[in-house]
Amino acid sequence: METARVERAVLRDTVEAVGTTRALRAVDIVPLSSGRLTALTVTPGMEIAEGAVIAQLNSAIEAAALAEAEARLREAELAMERAQALRQSNTVSQATLLQAEVALATAQAGVDQARQRLSDRTVVAPFTGVLGLARVDAGARVTEQTILTTLDDISAVEVEFQLSETLIGRVAIGQNVEASAAAFPGRVFAGTVISIDSRIDPASRAFLLRARLPNLDRTLPAGMFMRLSVVISEREALAVADEAVVLQAGEAIVYRVEEDVAHRIVITPGERHDGLVEILGGLDEGDEIVLRGTQSLRDGATIRRAGEGQARPAGAGAQPAASSQGS
């Protein structure tokens, strides 16, 4: 006969859901100006750093315009120096000096604008992320609406999912989430709930949530279907395997073993959690109970343990987690 010890177990209430991953940040990479694409450095799936060059447009005209603006700036600077010297000797009026100052400021603004136009011919990554497929080839003419590629920050991913309105008071930001994907059998991705919508959809009677899953190895892409288990409560309690509990005349019975004798004990059961029964009264931690063979057992019977007679934990082999179905 197999026996077990009454132990404390972590009892978890979970709710199941499905959702789709999304990147922390995702953008379409487009040029800031129109022109011919002279270079496109895109390797799909490659991670690039913020500020790294993705593409280059022809920039001969913009480079020449910058050189011209810089020449005008130098002329304005010299004119300003002359005006200041002449003003000190009262050779020119204060108005002439002010005109030189305005001309210098205008020339500086022209250089800044020309430099920005030249900079706009280079397309850089706005943040660190993973590149998608190239949508055009080098040599193509592009505009500000042309998508060159995509960039996703997937250092972590968010999963958007729905739960029934009946659970609105039981979920909270910070609760743990376990997610899995068919593409990675046996692997569990742990995360937390980060946001809960303030509205319930009147058509589906469900509300939206988002969970965040760390993804430092970039395993999970954006757009992947995920199955989620949201832990809505977690506590520690005395528990035994449900197979050790017998229902007799409306009472929950277990057989406690003392000096190789089985004693019939009426217990106060609590909630059932995936193969475990919570014990609210009747047993203490460490008590040895009969795990299997209780149906034919009688109070006061002498028992003979299976194997070497080592009692295993009452919840051994069971997963202490309960599941309920969400939307």
C-alpha atoms as a PDB file:
ATOM      1  CA  MET A   1       0.000   0.000   0.000  1.00  0.00           C
ATOM      2  CA  GLU A   2       1.374   3.408  -0.918  1.00  0.00           C
ATOM      3  CA  THR A   3       1.471   6.214   1.626  1.00  0.00           C
ATOM      4  CA  ALA A   4       2.348   9.893   1.505  1.00  0.00           C
ATOM      5  CA  ARG A   5       3.117  12.828   3.792  1.00  0.00           C
ATOM      6  CA  VAL A   6       0.881  15.845   4.162  1.00  0.00           C
ATOM      7  CA  GLU A   7       2.856  18.859   2.969  1.00  0.00           C
ATOM      8  CA  ARG A   8       2.386  22.498   2.191  1.00  0.00           C
ATOM      9  CA  ALA A   9       1.966  23.220  -1.518  1.00  0.00           C
ATOM     10  CA  VAL A  10       1.665  26.343  -3.630  1.00  0.00           C
ATOM     11  CA  LEU A  11      -1.876  26.454  -4.984  1.00  0.00           C
ATOM     12  CA  ARG A  12      -2.370  28.557  -8.076  1.00  0.00           C
ATOM     13  CA  ASP A  13      -5.539  29.672  -9.828  1.00  0.00           C
ATOM     14  CA  THR A  14      -4.906  30.341 -13.494  1.00  0.00           C
ATOM     15  CA  VAL A  15      -6.974  31.400 -16.475  1.00  0.00           C
ATOM     16  CA  GLU A  16      -6.141  30.406 -20.036  1.00  0.00           C
ATOM     17  CA  ALA A  17      -6.126  32.730 -23.036  1.00  0.00           C
ATOM     18  CA  VAL A  18      -4.593  33.173 -26.480  1.00  0.00           C
ATOM     19  CA  GLY A  19      -2.921  36.195 -27.997  1.00  0.00           C
ATOM     20  CA  THR A  20      -0.451  37.543 -30.535  1.00  0.00           C
ATOM     21  CA  THR A  21       2.991  39.011 -29.916  1.00  0.00           C
ATOM     22  CA  ARG A  22       3.880  42.550 -30.850  1.00  0.00           C
ATOM     23  CA  ALA A  23       7.210  44.359 -30.720  1.00  0.00           C
ATOM     24  CA  LEU A  24       7.933  46.925 -28.022  1.00  0.00           C
ATOM     25  CA  ARG A  25       8.523  49.394 -30.856  1.00  0.00           C
ATOM     26  CA  ALA A  26       7.937  48.826 -34.552  1.00  0.00           C
ATOM     27  CA  VAL A  27       8.363  51.247 -37.451  1.00  0.00           C
ATOM     28  CA  ASP A  28       8.416  51.270 -41.223  1.00  0.00           C
ATOM     29  CA  ILE A  29      11.742  52.709 -42.345  1.00  0.00           C
ATOM     30  CA  VAL A  30      11.171  55.458 -44.931  1.00  0.00           C
ATOM     31  CA  PRO A  31      13.539  58.113 -46.317  1.00  0.00           C
ATOM     32  CA  LEU A  32      13.192  61.729 -45.221  1.00  0.00           C
ATOM     33  CA  SER A  33      13.509  63.002 -48.794  1.00  0.00           C
ATOM     34  CA  SER A  34      13.076  61.840 -52.387  1.00  0.00           C
ATOM     35  CA  GLY A  35      15.811  60.646 -54.700  1.00  0.00           C
ATOM     36  CA  ARG A  36      17.727  57.690 -56.056  1.00  0.00           C
ATOM     37  CA  LEU A  37      18.734  55.003 -53.593  1.00  0.00           C
ATOM     38  CA  THR A  38      22.488  54.493 -53.894  1.00  0.00           C
ATOM     39  CA  ALA A  39      22.955  51.986 -51.057  1.00  0.00           C
ATOM     40  CA  LEU A  40      20.727  49.748 -48.942  1.00  0.00           C
ATOM     41  CA  THR A  41      22.343  47.782 -46.132  1.00  0.00           C
ATOM     42  CA  VAL A  42      19.626  45.393 -45.038  1.00  0.00           C
ATOM     43  CA  THR A  43      20.084  41.817 -43.869  1.00  0.00           C
ATOM     44  CA  PRO A  44      16.723  40.418 -42.728  1.00  0.00           C
ATOM     45  CA  GLY A  45      16.829  39.391 -39.074  1.00  0.00           C
ATOM     46  CA  MET A  46      19.996  41.382 -38.413  1.00  0.00           C
ATOM     47  CA  GLU A  47      20.093  43.469 -35.256  1.00  0.00           C
ATOM     48  CA  ILE A  48      21.373  46.998 -35.703  1.00  0.00           C
ATOM     49  CA  ALA A  49      22.126  49.717 -33.185  1.00  0.00           C
ATOM     50  CA  GLU A  50      20.414  53.073 -32.894  1.00  0.00           C
ATOM     51  CA  GLY A  51      21.976  55.500 -35.365  1.00  0.00           C
ATOM     52  CA  ALA A  52      23.388  52.799 -37.657  1.00  0.00           C
ATOM     53  CA  VAL A  53      23.131  53.544 -41.392  1.00  0.00           C
ATOM     54  CA  ILE A  54      20.402  51.616 -43.196  1.00  0.00           C
ATOM     55  CA  ALA A  55      20.327  53.356 -46.579  1.00  0.00           C
ATOM     56  CA  GLN A  56      21.898  56.193 -48.549  1.00  0.00           C
ATOM     57  CA  LEU A  57      20.349  58.431 -51.215  1.00  0.00           C
ATOM     58  CA  ASN A  58      22.285  60.277 -53.902  1.00  0.00           C
ATOM     59  CA  SER A  59      23.544  63.462 -52.248  1.00  0.00           C
ATOM     60  CA  ALA A  60      25.746  65.308 -54.771  1.00  0.00           C
ATOM     61  CA  ILE A  61      23.348  68.251 -55.079  1.00  0.00           C
ATOM     62  CA  GLU A  62      22.923  68.530 -51.303  1.00  0.00           C
ATOM     63  CA  ALA A  63      26.692  68.353 -50.733  1.00  0.00           C
ATOM     64  CA  ALA A  64      27.248  71.150 -53.265  1.00  0.00           C
ATOM     65  CA  ALA A  65      24.518  73.232 -51.655  1.00  0.00           C
ATOM     66  CA  LEU A  66      26.205  72.841 -48.274  1.00  0.00           C
ATOM     67  CA  ALA A  67      29.554  73.931 -49.703  1.00  0.00           C
ATOM     68  CA  GLU A  68      27.912  77.012 -51.228  1.00  0.00           C
ATOM     69  CA  ALA A  69      26.166  77.863 -47.952  1.00  0.00           C
ATOM     70  CA  GLU A  70      29.424  77.512 -46.031  1.00  0.00           C
ATOM     71  CA  ALA A  71      31.126  79.898 -48.499  1.00  0.00           C
ATOM     72  CA  ARG A  72      28.366  82.448 -47.968  1.00  0.00           C
ATOM     73  CA  LEU A  73      28.803  82.059 -44.235  1.00  0.00           C
ATOM     74  CA  ARG A  74      32.512  82.807 -44.501  1.00  0.00           C
ATOM     75  CA  GLU A  75      31.738  85.951 -46.537  1.00  0.00           C
ATOM     76  CA  ALA A  76      29.202  87.047 -43.934  1.00  0.00           C
ATOM     77  CA  GLU A  77      31.709  86.480 -41.137  1.00  0.00           C
ATOM     78  CA  LEU A  78      34.318  88.642 -42.917  1.00  0.00           C
ATOM     79  CA  ALA A  79      31.733  91.343 -43.573  1.00  0.00           C
ATOM     80  CA  MET A  80      30.783  91.271 -39.911  1.00  0.00           C
ATOM     81  CA  GLU A  81      34.394  91.661 -38.839  1.00  0.00           C
ATOM     82  CA  ARG A  82      34.822  94.675 -41.171  1.00  0.00           C
ATOM     83  CA  ALA A  83      31.614  96.273 -39.957  1.00  0.00           C
ATOM     84  CA  GLN A  84      32.666  95.883 -36.330  1.00  0.00           C
ATOM     85  CA  ALA A  85      36.066  97.462 -37.012  1.00  0.00           C
ATOM     86  CA  LEU A  86      34.519 100.365 -38.924  1.00  0.00           C
ATOM     87  CA  ARG A  87      31.900 100.895 -36.256  1.00  0.00           C
ATOM     88  CA  GLN A  88      34.580 101.212 -33.609  1.00  0.00           C
ATOM     89  CA  SER A  89      36.092 104.077 -35.609  1.00  0.00           C
ATOM     90  CA  ASN A  90      32.623 105.544 -36.255  1.00  0.00           C
ATOM     91  CA  THR A  91      33.144 105.087 -39.987  1.00  0.00           C
ATOM     92  CA  VAL A  92      29.790 103.272 -40.381  1.00  0.00           C
ATOM     93  CA  SER A  93      26.484 103.666 -38.623  1.00  0.00           C
ATOM     94  CA  GLN A  94      24.965 101.331 -36.058  1.00  0.00           C
ATOM     95  CA  ALA A  95      22.374 100.376 -38.684  1.00  0.00           C
ATOM     96  CA  THR A  96      25.115  99.110 -40.995  1.00  0.00           C
ATOM     97  CA  LEU A  97      26.479  96.930 -38.176  1.00  0.00           C
ATOM     98  CA  LEU A  98      23.006  95.535 -37.520  1.00  0.00           C
ATOM     99  CA  GLN A  99      22.631  94.686 -41.215  1.00  0.00           C
ATOM    100  CA  ALA A 100      25.921  92.762 -41.062  1.00  0.00           C
ATOM    101  CA  GLU A 101      24.689  90.862 -38.001  1.00  0.00           C
ATOM    102  CA  VAL A 102      21.450  89.930 -39.779  1.00  0.00           C
ATOM    103  CA  ALA A 103      23.372  88.784 -42.856  1.00  0.00           C
ATOM    104  CA  LEU A 104      25.606  86.613 -40.670  1.00  0.00           C
ATOM    105  CA  ALA A 105      22.638  85.017 -38.901  1.00  0.00           C
ATOM    106  CA  THR A 106      20.952  84.371 -42.253  1.00  0.00           C
ATOM    107  CA  ALA A 107      24.091  82.750 -43.624  1.00  0.00           C
ATOM    108  CA  GLN A 108      24.390  80.540 -40.511  1.00  0.00           C
ATOM    109  CA  ALA A 109      20.770  79.452 -40.905  1.00  0.00           C
ATOM    110  CA  GLY A 110      21.465  78.614 -44.548  1.00  0.00           C
ATOM    111  CA  VAL A 111      24.367  76.371 -43.496  1.00  0.00           C
ATOM    112  CA  ASP A 112      22.196  74.639 -40.885  1.00  0.00           C
ATOM    113  CA  GLN A 113      19.456  73.986 -43.444  1.00  0.00           C
ATOM    114  CA  ALA A 114      21.894  72.716 -46.061  1.00  0.00           C
ATOM    115  CA  ARG A 115      23.569  70.453 -43.518  1.00  0.00           C
ATOM    116  CA  GLN A 116      20.176  69.034 -42.484  1.00  0.00           C
ATOM    117  CA  ARG A 117      19.174  68.384 -46.114  1.00  0.00           C
ATOM    118  CA  LEU A 118      22.437  66.514 -46.625  1.00  0.00           C
ATOM    119  CA  SER A 119      21.891  64.546 -43.417  1.00  0.00           C
ATOM    120  CA  ASP A 120      18.387  63.606 -44.604  1.00  0.00           C
ATOM    121  CA  ARG A 121      19.959  61.730 -47.514  1.00  0.00           C
ATOM    122  CA  THR A 122      21.232  59.153 -45.021  1.00  0.00           C
ATOM    123  CA  VAL A 123      18.636  56.823 -43.452  1.00  0.00           C
ATOM    124  CA  VAL A 124      19.583  55.646 -39.959  1.00  0.00           C
ATOM    125  CA  ALA A 125      17.972  53.366 -37.376  1.00  0.00           C
ATOM    126  CA  PRO A 126      15.830  55.368 -34.913  1.00  0.00           C
ATOM    127  CA  PHE A 127      16.401  52.732 -32.207  1.00  0.00           C
ATOM    128  CA  THR A 128      18.153  49.413 -31.682  1.00  0.00           C
ATOM    129  CA  GLY A 129      16.169  46.607 -33.271  1.00  0.00           C
ATOM    130  CA  VAL A 130      15.892  43.819 -35.816  1.00  0.00           C
ATOM    131  CA  LEU A 131      15.545  44.571 -39.532  1.00  0.00           C
ATOM    132  CA  GLY A 132      12.884  43.029 -41.744  1.00  0.00           C
ATOM    133  CA  LEU A 133      12.950  42.283 -45.463  1.00  0.00           C
ATOM    134  CA  ALA A 134      14.153  44.906 -47.935  1.00  0.00           C
ATOM    135  CA  ARG A 135      11.196  46.295 -49.889  1.00  0.00           C
ATOM    136  CA  VAL A 136      13.246  48.011 -52.634  1.00  0.00           C
ATOM    137  CA  ASP A 137      16.636  47.605 -54.288  1.00  0.00           C
ATOM    138  CA  ALA A 138      19.573  49.976 -54.571  1.00  0.00           C
ATOM    139  CA  GLY A 139      19.152  52.171 -57.643  1.00  0.00           C
ATOM    140  CA  ALA A 140      15.414  52.600 -57.215  1.00  0.00           C
ATOM    141  CA  ARG A 141      13.868  56.045 -57.023  1.00  0.00           C
ATOM    142  CA  VAL A 142      12.168  56.530 -53.676  1.00  0.00           C
ATOM    143  CA  THR A 143      10.002  59.140 -51.956  1.00  0.00           C
ATOM    144  CA  GLU A 144       9.090  59.935 -48.378  1.00  0.00           C
ATOM    145  CA  GLN A 145       6.284  57.356 -48.679  1.00  0.00           C
ATOM    146  CA  THR A 146       8.491  54.490 -49.868  1.00  0.00           C
ATOM    147  CA  ILE A 147       8.969  51.764 -47.239  1.00  0.00           C
ATOM    148  CA  LEU A 148      12.571  50.563 -47.409  1.00  0.00           C
ATOM    149  CA  THR A 149      12.315  47.927 -44.658  1.00  0.00           C
ATOM    150  CA  THR A 150      10.923  47.479 -41.148  1.00  0.00           C
ATOM    151  CA  LEU A 151      12.558  47.731 -37.738  1.00  0.00           C
ATOM    152  CA  ASP A 152      11.301  45.966 -34.608  1.00  0.00           C
ATOM    153  CA  ASP A 153      12.531  46.250 -31.049  1.00  0.00           C
ATOM    154  CA  ILE A 154      11.956  42.705 -29.768  1.00  0.00           C
ATOM    155  CA  SER A 155      14.245  42.776 -26.737  1.00  0.00           C
ATOM    156  CA  ALA A 156      10.899  42.034 -25.111  1.00  0.00           C
ATOM    157  CA  VAL A 157       7.544  41.352 -26.720  1.00  0.00           C
ATOM    158  CA  GLU A 158       4.044  42.244 -25.667  1.00  0.00           C
ATOM    159  CA  VAL A 159       1.132  39.853 -26.030  1.00  0.00           C
ATOM    160  CA  GLU A 160      -2.350  41.291 -26.424  1.00  0.00           C
ATOM    161  CA  PHE A 161      -5.180  38.995 -25.347  1.00  0.00           C
ATOM    162  CA  GLN A 162      -8.775  39.003 -24.114  1.00  0.00           C
ATOM    163  CA  LEU A 163     -10.449  37.707 -20.972  1.00  0.00           C
ATOM    164  CA  SER A 164     -14.100  37.372 -20.068  1.00  0.00           C
ATOM    165  CA  GLU A 165     -15.695  40.314 -18.276  1.00  0.00           C
ATOM    166  CA  THR A 166     -16.340  37.983 -15.311  1.00  0.00           C
ATOM    167  CA  LEU A 167     -12.617  38.145 -14.536  1.00  0.00           C
ATOM    168  CA  ILE A 168     -12.289  41.940 -14.547  1.00  0.00           C
ATOM    169  CA  GLY A 169     -11.949  42.074 -10.763  1.00  0.00           C
ATOM    170  CA  ARG A 170      -9.531  39.173 -10.476  1.00  0.00           C
ATOM    171  CA  VAL A 171      -6.696  40.254 -12.740  1.00  0.00           C
ATOM    172  CA  ALA A 172      -4.236  43.008 -11.942  1.00  0.00           C
ATOM    173  CA  ILE A 173      -1.123  44.614 -13.357  1.00  0.00           C
ATOM    174  CA  GLY A 174       1.958  42.710 -12.242  1.00  0.00           C
ATOM    175  CA  GLN A 175       0.365  39.255 -12.153  1.00  0.00           C
ATOM    176  CA  ASN A 176       2.521  36.480 -13.577  1.00  0.00           C
ATOM    177  CA  VAL A 177       1.927  35.036 -17.031  1.00  0.00           C
ATOM    178  CA  GLU A 178       3.286  31.875 -18.629  1.00  0.00           C
ATOM    179  CA  ALA A 179       3.178  31.667 -22.419  1.00  0.00           C
ATOM    180  CA  SER A 180       3.961  28.983 -24.971  1.00  0.00           C
ATOM    181  CA  ALA A 181       4.096  28.729 -28.747  1.00  0.00           C
ATOM    182  CA  ALA A 182       3.707  25.755 -31.071  1.00  0.00           C
ATOM    183  CA  ALA A 183       7.021  26.675 -32.697  1.00  0.00           C
ATOM    184  CA  PHE A 184       8.861  26.038 -29.412  1.00  0.00           C
ATOM    185  CA  PRO A 185       7.353  22.880 -27.870  1.00  0.00           C
ATOM    186  CA  GLY A 186       8.132  22.409 -24.210  1.00  0.00           C
ATOM    187  CA  ARG A 187       9.420  25.943 -23.705  1.00  0.00           C
ATOM    188  CA  VAL A 188       7.632  28.319 -21.352  1.00  0.00           C
ATOM    189  CA  PHE A 189       8.080  32.090 -21.601  1.00  0.00           C
ATOM    190  CA  ALA A 190       7.485  33.891 -18.302  1.00  0.00           C
ATOM    191  CA  GLY A 191       6.203  37.442 -18.102  1.00  0.00           C
ATOM    192  CA  THR A 192       3.805  39.798 -16.340  1.00  0.00           C
ATOM    193  CA  VAL A 193       0.583  41.668 -17.049  1.00  0.00           C
ATOM    194  CA  ILE A 194       1.513  45.289 -17.850  1.00  0.00           C
ATOM    195  CA  SER A 195      -1.801  46.910 -18.820  1.00  0.00           C
ATOM    196  CA  ILE A 196      -5.537  46.312 -18.621  1.00  0.00           C
ATOM    197  CA  ASP A 197      -8.067  48.110 -20.794  1.00  0.00           C
ATOM    198  CA  SER A 198     -10.587  50.297 -18.993  1.00  0.00           C
ATOM    199  CA  ARG A 199     -13.422  49.249 -21.311  1.00  0.00           C
ATOM    200  CA  ILE A 200     -15.298  46.019 -21.925  1.00  0.00           C
ATOM    201  CA  ASP A 201     -16.312  45.214 -25.488  1.00  0.00           C
ATOM    202  CA  PRO A 202     -20.146  45.067 -25.443  1.00  0.00           C
ATOM    203  CA  ALA A 203     -20.146  42.663 -28.390  1.00  0.00           C
ATOM    204  CA  SER A 204     -17.733  40.045 -27.046  1.00  0.00           C
ATOM    205  CA  ARG A 205     -18.229  40.792 -23.325  1.00  0.00           C
ATOM    206  CA  ALA A 206     -14.450  40.674 -22.970  1.00  0.00           C
ATOM    207  CA  PHE A 207     -11.691  43.144 -22.160  1.00  0.00           C
ATOM    208  CA  LEU A 208      -8.167  43.543 -23.509  1.00  0.00           C
ATOM    209  CA  LEU A 209      -4.940  43.017 -21.600  1.00  0.00           C
ATOM    210  CA  ARG A 210      -1.260  43.146 -22.476  1.00  0.00           C
ATOM    211  CA  ALA A 211       1.517  41.052 -21.010  1.00  0.00           C
ATOM    212  CA  ARG A 212       5.241  41.595 -21.489  1.00  0.00           C
ATOM    213  CA  LEU A 213       7.627  38.686 -22.048  1.00  0.00           C
ATOM    214  CA  PRO A 214      11.420  39.200 -21.850  1.00  0.00           C
ATOM    215  CA  ASN A 215      12.971  38.136 -25.155  1.00  0.00           C
ATOM    216  CA  LEU A 216      16.685  38.826 -24.811  1.00  0.00           C
ATOM    217  CA  ASP A 217      17.638  36.011 -27.185  1.00  0.00           C
ATOM    218  CA  ARG A 218      15.204  37.398 -29.795  1.00  0.00           C
ATOM    219  CA  THR A 219      13.455  34.020 -30.049  1.00  0.00           C
ATOM    220  CA  LEU A 220       9.931  35.410 -30.326  1.00  0.00           C
ATOM    221  CA  PRO A 221       9.113  37.506 -33.401  1.00  0.00           C
ATOM    222  CA  ALA A 222       6.283  39.985 -33.653  1.00  0.00           C
ATOM    223  CA  GLY A 223       2.985  38.498 -34.814  1.00  0.00           C
ATOM    224  CA  MET A 224       3.367  35.015 -33.276  1.00  0.00           C
ATOM    225  CA  PHE A 225       0.325  33.181 -31.883  1.00  0.00           C
ATOM    226  CA  MET A 226       0.760  32.391 -28.180  1.00  0.00           C
ATOM    227  CA  ARG A 227      -1.141  30.439 -25.555  1.00  0.00           C
ATOM    228  CA  LEU A 228      -1.133  32.095 -22.149  1.00  0.00           C
ATOM    229  CA  SER A 229      -1.787  31.048 -18.588  1.00  0.00           C
ATOM    230  CA  VAL A 230      -2.423  34.008 -16.292  1.00  0.00           C
ATOM    231  CA  VAL A 231      -1.888  33.395 -12.574  1.00  0.00           C
ATOM    232  CA  ILE A 232      -4.764  35.211 -10.899  1.00  0.00           C
ATOM    233  CA  SER A 233      -4.049  33.946  -7.369  1.00  0.00           C
ATOM    234  CA  GLU A 234      -1.262  32.083  -5.624  1.00  0.00           C
ATOM    235  CA  ARG A 235      -1.065  30.901  -2.030  1.00  0.00           C
ATOM    236  CA  GLU A 236       0.505  28.260   0.186  1.00  0.00           C
ATOM    237  CA  ALA A 237      -1.673  25.676   1.951  1.00  0.00           C
ATOM    238  CA  LEU A 238      -1.743  22.110   3.252  1.00  0.00           C
ATOM    239  CA  ALA A 239      -2.750  19.758   0.455  1.00  0.00           C
ATOM    240  CA  VAL A 240      -2.955  16.082  -0.430  1.00  0.00           C
ATOM    241  CA  ALA A 241      -3.443  14.263  -3.704  1.00  0.00           C
ATOM    242  CA  ASP A 242      -7.148  13.963  -4.496  1.00  0.00           C
ATOM    243  CA  GLU A 243      -6.822  10.181  -4.870  1.00  0.00           C
ATOM    244  CA  ALA A 244      -6.165   9.971  -1.107  1.00  0.00           C
ATOM    245  CA  VAL A 245      -9.584  11.466  -0.289  1.00  0.00           C
ATOM    246  CA  VAL A 246     -12.646   9.208  -0.120  1.00  0.00           C
ATOM    247  CA  LEU A 247     -16.223  10.469   0.032  1.00  0.00           C
ATOM    248  CA  GLN A 248     -18.349   8.446   2.476  1.00  0.00           C
ATOM    249  CA  ALA A 249     -21.864   9.435   3.514  1.00  0.00           C
ATOM    250  CA  GLY A 250     -21.229  13.019   2.537  1.00  0.00           C
ATOM    251  CA  GLU A 251     -17.959  13.243   4.445  1.00  0.00           C
ATOM    252  CA  ALA A 252     -14.416  13.594   3.102  1.00  0.00           C
ATOM    253  CA  ILE A 253     -12.292  10.823   4.560  1.00  0.00           C
ATOM    254  CA  VAL A 254      -8.579  10.065   4.594  1.00  0.00           C
ATOM    255  CA  TYR A 255      -6.703   7.338   6.420  1.00  0.00           C
ATOM    256  CA  ARG A 256      -3.892   8.551   8.650  1.00  0.00           C
ATOM    257  CA  VAL A 257      -1.184   6.036   9.432  1.00  0.00           C
ATOM    258  CA  GLU A 258       0.115   5.751  12.993  1.00  0.00           C
ATOM    259  CA  GLU A 259       2.406   2.844  13.922  1.00  0.00           C
ATOM    260  CA  ASP A 260       1.322   0.886  10.845  1.00  0.00           C
ATOM    261  CA  VAL A 261      -2.364   1.262  11.682  1.00  0.00           C
ATOM    262  CA  ALA A 262      -4.796   3.176   9.430  1.00  0.00           C
ATOM    263  CA  HIS A 263      -7.136   5.544  11.251  1.00  0.00           C
ATOM    264  CA  ARG A 264     -10.232   6.946   9.575  1.00  0.00           C
ATOM    265  CA  ILE A 265     -10.064  10.760   9.701  1.00  0.00           C
ATOM    266  CA  VAL A 266     -12.797  13.171   8.644  1.00  0.00           C
ATOM    267  CA  ILE A 267     -11.194  16.196   7.008  1.00  0.00           C
ATOM    268  CA  THR A 268     -12.427  19.619   5.990  1.00  0.00           C
ATOM    269  CA  PRO A 269     -11.501  19.955   2.322  1.00  0.00           C
ATOM    270  CA  GLY A 270     -10.955  23.255   0.566  1.00  0.00           C
ATOM    271  CA  GLU A 271     -10.544  23.942  -3.123  1.00  0.00           C
ATOM    272  CA  ARG A 272      -9.301  21.407  -5.633  1.00  0.00           C
ATOM    273  CA  HIS A 273      -6.272  22.464  -7.642  1.00  0.00           C
ATOM    274  CA  ASP A 274      -5.196  20.249 -10.525  1.00  0.00           C
ATOM    275  CA  GLY A 275      -4.887  16.950  -8.676  1.00  0.00           C
ATOM    276  CA  LEU A 276      -4.567  18.406  -5.174  1.00  0.00           C
ATOM    277  CA  VAL A 277      -7.150  18.911  -2.437  1.00  0.00           C
ATOM    278  CA  GLU A 278      -6.616  21.734   0.015  1.00  0.00           C
ATOM    279  CA  ILE A 279      -6.831  20.648   3.662  1.00  0.00           C
ATOM    280  CA  LEU A 280      -8.610  23.142   5.920  1.00  0.00           C
ATOM    281  CA  GLY A 281      -8.863  20.861   8.941  1.00  0.00           C
ATOM    282  CA  GLY A 282      -8.344  17.315  10.219  1.00  0.00           C
ATOM    283  CA  LEU A 283      -4.685  16.827   9.280  1.00  0.00           C
ATOM    284  CA  ASP A 284      -1.376  18.392  10.207  1.00  0.00           C
ATOM    285  CA  GLU A 285       1.743  18.943   8.162  1.00  0.00           C
ATOM    286  CA  GLY A 286       3.890  15.822   8.176  1.00  0.00           C
ATOM    287  CA  ASP A 287       1.036  13.382   8.860  1.00  0.00           C
ATOM    288  CA  GLU A 288       1.380  10.107   6.965  1.00  0.00           C
ATOM    289  CA  ILE A 289      -1.707   9.118   5.004  1.00  0.00           C
ATOM    290  CA  VAL A 290      -2.718   6.289   2.699  1.00  0.00           C
ATOM    291  CA  LEU A 291      -2.443   7.460  -0.882  1.00  0.00           C
ATOM    292  CA  ARG A 292      -3.872   4.503  -2.804  1.00  0.00           C
ATOM    293  CA  GLY A 293      -6.094   1.569  -1.895  1.00  0.00           C
ATOM    294  CA  THR A 294      -8.392   3.517   0.401  1.00  0.00           C
ATOM    295  CA  GLN A 295     -11.672   2.221  -1.040  1.00  0.00           C
ATOM    296  CA  SER A 296     -11.309  -1.193   0.602  1.00  0.00           C
ATOM    297  CA  LEU A 297      -9.554   0.056   3.737  1.00  0.00           C
ATOM    298  CA  ARG A 298     -11.198  -0.085   7.153  1.00  0.00           C
ATOM    299  CA  ASP A 299     -10.583   1.962  10.294  1.00  0.00           C
ATOM    300  CA  GLY A 300      -7.974   0.287  12.480  1.00  0.00           C
ATOM    301  CA  ALA A 301      -6.602  -1.958   9.741  1.00  0.00           C
ATOM    302  CA  THR A 302      -2.912  -2.787   9.746  1.00  0.00           C
ATOM    303  CA  ILE A 303      -1.232  -1.613   6.588  1.00  0.00           C
ATOM    304  CA  ARG A 304       1.753  -2.850   4.675  1.00  0.00           C
ATOM    305  CA  ARG A 305       3.624  -0.195   2.731  1.00  0.00           C
ATOM    306  CA  ALA A 306       4.671  -0.638  -0.893  1.00  0.00           C
ATOM    307  CA  GLY A 307       8.360  -0.853  -1.793  1.00  0.00           C
ATOM    308  CA  GLU A 308      10.741   0.076   1.015  1.00  0.00           C
ATOM    309  CA  GLY A 309       8.013   1.736   2.998  1.00  0.00           C
ATOM    310  CA  GLN A 310       9.135   5.281   2.263  1.00  0.00           C
ATOM    311  CA  ALA A 311       6.257   7.718   2.348  1.00  0.00           C
ATOM    312  CA  ARG A 312       6.399  10.218  -0.491  1.00  0.00           C
ATOM    313  CA  PRO A 313       4.953  13.763  -0.424  1.00  0.00           C
ATOM    314  CA  ALA A 314       1.179  13.798  -0.649  1.00  0.00           C
ATOM    315  CA  GLY A 315       1.242  16.003  -3.727  1.00  0.00           C
ATOM    316  CA  ALA A 316       4.107  14.242  -5.518  1.00  0.00           C
ATOM    317  CA  GLY A 317       3.561  13.874  -9.223  1.00  0.00           C
ATOM    318  CA  ALA A 318       0.863  16.536  -9.343  1.00  0.00           C
ATOM    319  CA  GLN A 319       1.196  20.048 -10.681  1.00  0.00           C
ATOM    320  CA  PRO A 320      -0.123  22.476  -8.028  1.00  0.00           C
ATOM    321  CA  ALA A 321      -1.931  24.744 -10.441  1.00  0.00           C
ATOM    322  CA  ALA A 322      -5.604  25.150 -11.237  1.00  0.00           C
ATOM    323  CA  SER A 323      -6.981  26.238 -14.598  1.00  0.00           C
ATOM    324  CA  SER A 324     -10.186  27.977 -15.613  1.00  0.00           C
ATOM    325  CA  GLN A 325     -11.108  28.959 -19.162  1.00  0.00           C
ATOM    326  CA  GLY A 326     -11.007  32.565 -20.375  1.00  0.00           C
ATOM    327  CA  SER A 327     -12.233  34.112 -23.570  1.00  0.00           C
END
